[in-house]
Amino acid sequence: MVDPILIVGPIKLNLDIVYTLHYILFMEIIWDPQKQQKLILERGIDLEEIKGLIENKSYFEILEDEKKPGQSLIVLEYKSYVHIVPIKLEPGKRILKACYRSRKAHKKYRGNKK
């Protein structure tokens, strides 16, 4: 079977990717309140602020999590450092699972900037 393709001007887009991105971007974002408190205390990370970055599309990329089907990884800059945000997709909602700093992603997206 051939993947459906959408042609927008000179750009070809795989429709499966377009539908997945639409699904990820336009759903309610939720998280476990206990996880929120743990992240604030241990890492100074506020999931409410992460939610705002995602809703404002202030991220570098959304990747498919190869290790966990049904989960994506959002790569974004938070407090001047690149973080990875695993997000689980469920009907009608996105669940923020965690948020952690990534040296590898920081080097890729921000170079040697500290």
C-alpha atoms as a PDB file:
ATOM      1  CA  MET A   1       0.000   0.000   0.000  1.00  0.00           C
ATOM      2  CA  VAL A   2       1.273   3.460  -0.891  1.00  0.00           C
ATOM      3  CA  ASP A   3       1.295   6.123   1.818  1.00  0.00           C
ATOM      4  CA  PRO A   4      -1.202   8.895   1.053  1.00  0.00           C
ATOM      5  CA  ILE A   5       0.624  12.090   0.108  1.00  0.00           C
ATOM      6  CA  LEU A   6      -0.577  15.691   0.301  1.00  0.00           C
ATOM      7  CA  ILE A   7       1.182  18.144  -2.006  1.00  0.00           C
ATOM      8  CA  VAL A   8       1.269  21.724  -0.704  1.00  0.00           C
ATOM      9  CA  GLY A   9       3.063  23.890  -3.231  1.00  0.00           C
ATOM     10  CA  PRO A  10       6.523  22.382  -3.677  1.00  0.00           C
ATOM     11  CA  ILE A  11       6.229  20.351  -0.432  1.00  0.00           C
ATOM     12  CA  LYS A  12       5.022  16.741  -0.240  1.00  0.00           C
ATOM     13  CA  LEU A  13       3.584  15.684   3.123  1.00  0.00           C
ATOM     14  CA  ASN A  14       2.766  12.181   4.260  1.00  0.00           C
ATOM     15  CA  LEU A  15      -0.894  12.370   5.375  1.00  0.00           C
ATOM     16  CA  ASP A  16      -0.304   9.951   8.257  1.00  0.00           C
ATOM     17  CA  ILE A  17       2.225  12.414   9.674  1.00  0.00           C
ATOM     18  CA  VAL A  18      -0.130  15.366   9.085  1.00  0.00           C
ATOM     19  CA  TYR A  19      -3.002  13.591  10.873  1.00  0.00           C
ATOM     20  CA  THR A  20      -0.741  12.534  13.756  1.00  0.00           C
ATOM     21  CA  LEU A  21       0.566  16.080  14.246  1.00  0.00           C
ATOM     22  CA  HIS A  22      -2.970  17.504  14.152  1.00  0.00           C
ATOM     23  CA  TYR A  23      -4.077  14.901  16.706  1.00  0.00           C
ATOM     24  CA  ILE A  24      -1.128  15.684  18.994  1.00  0.00           C
ATOM     25  CA  LEU A  25      -1.479  19.466  18.772  1.00  0.00           C
ATOM     26  CA  PHE A  26      -5.227  19.940  19.251  1.00  0.00           C
ATOM     27  CA  MET A  27      -6.086  17.874  22.312  1.00  0.00           C
ATOM     28  CA  GLU A  28      -6.363  18.673  25.989  1.00  0.00           C
ATOM     29  CA  ILE A  29      -3.039  18.447  27.871  1.00  0.00           C
ATOM     30  CA  ILE A  30      -3.140  16.831  31.319  1.00  0.00           C
ATOM     31  CA  TRP A  31      -0.696  15.328  33.846  1.00  0.00           C
ATOM     32  CA  ASP A  32      -0.532  13.608  37.205  1.00  0.00           C
ATOM     33  CA  PRO A  33      -0.580  16.293  39.962  1.00  0.00           C
ATOM     34  CA  GLN A  34       1.828  14.193  42.073  1.00  0.00           C
ATOM     35  CA  LYS A  35       4.264  14.060  39.145  1.00  0.00           C
ATOM     36  CA  GLN A  36       3.927  17.861  38.854  1.00  0.00           C
ATOM     37  CA  GLN A  37       4.894  18.352  42.503  1.00  0.00           C
ATOM     38  CA  LYS A  38       7.820  15.938  42.197  1.00  0.00           C
ATOM     39  CA  LEU A  39       9.165  17.723  39.110  1.00  0.00           C
ATOM     40  CA  ILE A  40       8.859  21.135  40.789  1.00  0.00           C
ATOM     41  CA  LEU A  41      10.659  19.965  43.940  1.00  0.00           C
ATOM     42  CA  GLU A  42      13.358  17.834  42.326  1.00  0.00           C
ATOM     43  CA  ARG A  43      14.061  19.630  39.029  1.00  0.00           C
ATOM     44  CA  GLY A  44      12.355  23.036  39.184  1.00  0.00           C
ATOM     45  CA  ILE A  45      10.163  22.059  36.212  1.00  0.00           C
ATOM     46  CA  ASP A  46       6.559  23.307  36.118  1.00  0.00           C
ATOM     47  CA  LEU A  47       4.338  21.281  33.778  1.00  0.00           C
ATOM     48  CA  GLU A  48       1.950  24.233  33.521  1.00  0.00           C
ATOM     49  CA  GLU A  49       4.764  26.206  31.862  1.00  0.00           C
ATOM     50  CA  ILE A  50       5.591  23.222  29.621  1.00  0.00           C
ATOM     51  CA  LYS A  51       1.919  23.042  28.608  1.00  0.00           C
ATOM     52  CA  GLY A  52       2.047  26.736  27.626  1.00  0.00           C
ATOM     53  CA  LEU A  53       5.119  26.153  25.450  1.00  0.00           C
ATOM     54  CA  ILE A  54       3.414  23.240  23.686  1.00  0.00           C
ATOM     55  CA  GLU A  55       0.165  25.157  23.143  1.00  0.00           C
ATOM     56  CA  ASN A  56       2.133  28.109  21.728  1.00  0.00           C
ATOM     57  CA  LYS A  57       4.017  25.705  19.456  1.00  0.00           C
ATOM     58  CA  SER A  58       7.311  26.782  21.047  1.00  0.00           C
ATOM     59  CA  TYR A  59       9.155  23.543  20.426  1.00  0.00           C
ATOM     60  CA  PHE A  60      11.778  22.285  18.018  1.00  0.00           C
ATOM     61  CA  GLU A  61      10.277  18.983  16.985  1.00  0.00           C
ATOM     62  CA  ILE A  62       7.811  16.191  17.811  1.00  0.00           C
ATOM     63  CA  LEU A  63       9.299  12.725  17.496  1.00  0.00           C
ATOM     64  CA  GLU A  64       7.755   9.284  17.659  1.00  0.00           C
ATOM     65  CA  ASP A  65       9.017   7.393  20.709  1.00  0.00           C
ATOM     66  CA  GLU A  66      10.512   4.267  19.165  1.00  0.00           C
ATOM     67  CA  LYS A  67      10.693   2.495  22.533  1.00  0.00           C
ATOM     68  CA  LYS A  68       7.082   3.144  23.569  1.00  0.00           C
ATOM     69  CA  PRO A  69       4.314   2.840  20.949  1.00  0.00           C
ATOM     70  CA  GLY A  70       1.540   5.416  21.365  1.00  0.00           C
ATOM     71  CA  GLN A  71       3.914   7.900  22.935  1.00  0.00           C
ATOM     72  CA  SER A  72       5.665  10.903  21.372  1.00  0.00           C
ATOM     73  CA  LEU A  73       8.600  13.034  22.447  1.00  0.00           C
ATOM     74  CA  ILE A  74       8.370  16.802  22.256  1.00  0.00           C
ATOM     75  CA  VAL A  75      11.728  18.580  22.065  1.00  0.00           C
ATOM     76  CA  LEU A  76      11.611  22.113  23.465  1.00  0.00           C
ATOM     77  CA  GLU A  77      13.674  24.777  25.162  1.00  0.00           C
ATOM     78  CA  TYR A  78      12.773  25.450  28.784  1.00  0.00           C
ATOM     79  CA  LYS A  79      14.751  27.737  31.090  1.00  0.00           C
ATOM     80  CA  SER A  80      17.496  28.161  28.455  1.00  0.00           C
ATOM     81  CA  TYR A  81      18.109  24.420  28.038  1.00  0.00           C
ATOM     82  CA  VAL A  82      16.690  21.803  25.677  1.00  0.00           C
ATOM     83  CA  HIS A  83      14.311  19.343  27.347  1.00  0.00           C
ATOM     84  CA  ILE A  84      12.513  16.205  26.203  1.00  0.00           C
ATOM     85  CA  VAL A  85       8.834  15.845  27.130  1.00  0.00           C
ATOM     86  CA  PRO A  86       7.398  12.330  26.736  1.00  0.00           C
ATOM     87  CA  ILE A  87       3.699  12.599  25.981  1.00  0.00           C
ATOM     88  CA  LYS A  88       1.208   9.737  25.857  1.00  0.00           C
ATOM     89  CA  LEU A  89      -1.682   9.992  23.441  1.00  0.00           C
ATOM     90  CA  GLU A  90      -5.098   8.853  24.600  1.00  0.00           C
ATOM     91  CA  PRO A  91      -8.493   9.556  23.023  1.00  0.00           C
ATOM     92  CA  GLY A  92      -9.118  13.306  23.339  1.00  0.00           C
ATOM     93  CA  LYS A  93      -6.118  14.083  25.530  1.00  0.00           C
ATOM     94  CA  ARG A  94      -2.343  14.219  25.759  1.00  0.00           C
ATOM     95  CA  ILE A  95      -0.759  13.133  29.014  1.00  0.00           C
ATOM     96  CA  LEU A  96       2.558  14.717  29.965  1.00  0.00           C
ATOM     97  CA  LYS A  97       4.576  11.862  31.474  1.00  0.00           C
ATOM     98  CA  ALA A  98       7.781  13.677  32.431  1.00  0.00           C
ATOM     99  CA  CYS A  99      10.214  16.408  31.414  1.00  0.00           C
ATOM    100  CA  TYR A 100      13.967  16.130  31.497  1.00  0.00           C
ATOM    101  CA  ARG A 101      17.063  17.959  30.286  1.00  0.00           C
ATOM    102  CA  SER A 102      18.880  16.402  27.344  1.00  0.00           C
ATOM    103  CA  ARG A 103      22.533  17.159  26.619  1.00  0.00           C
ATOM    104  CA  LYS A 104      22.311  15.335  23.284  1.00  0.00           C
ATOM    105  CA  ALA A 105      19.239  17.336  22.177  1.00  0.00           C
ATOM    106  CA  HIS A 106      20.744  20.591  23.509  1.00  0.00           C
ATOM    107  CA  LYS A 107      23.866  20.046  21.430  1.00  0.00           C
ATOM    108  CA  LYS A 108      21.767  19.232  18.337  1.00  0.00           C
ATOM    109  CA  TYR A 109      19.327  22.160  18.589  1.00  0.00           C
ATOM    110  CA  ARG A 110      21.342  24.858  20.382  1.00  0.00           C
ATOM    111  CA  GLY A 111      24.950  23.976  19.595  1.00  0.00           C
ATOM    112  CA  ASN A 112      27.391  25.004  22.312  1.00  0.00           C
ATOM    113  CA  LYS A 113      25.137  27.756  23.687  1.00  0.00           C
ATOM    114  CA  LYS A 114      24.737  27.368  27.447  1.00  0.00           C
END
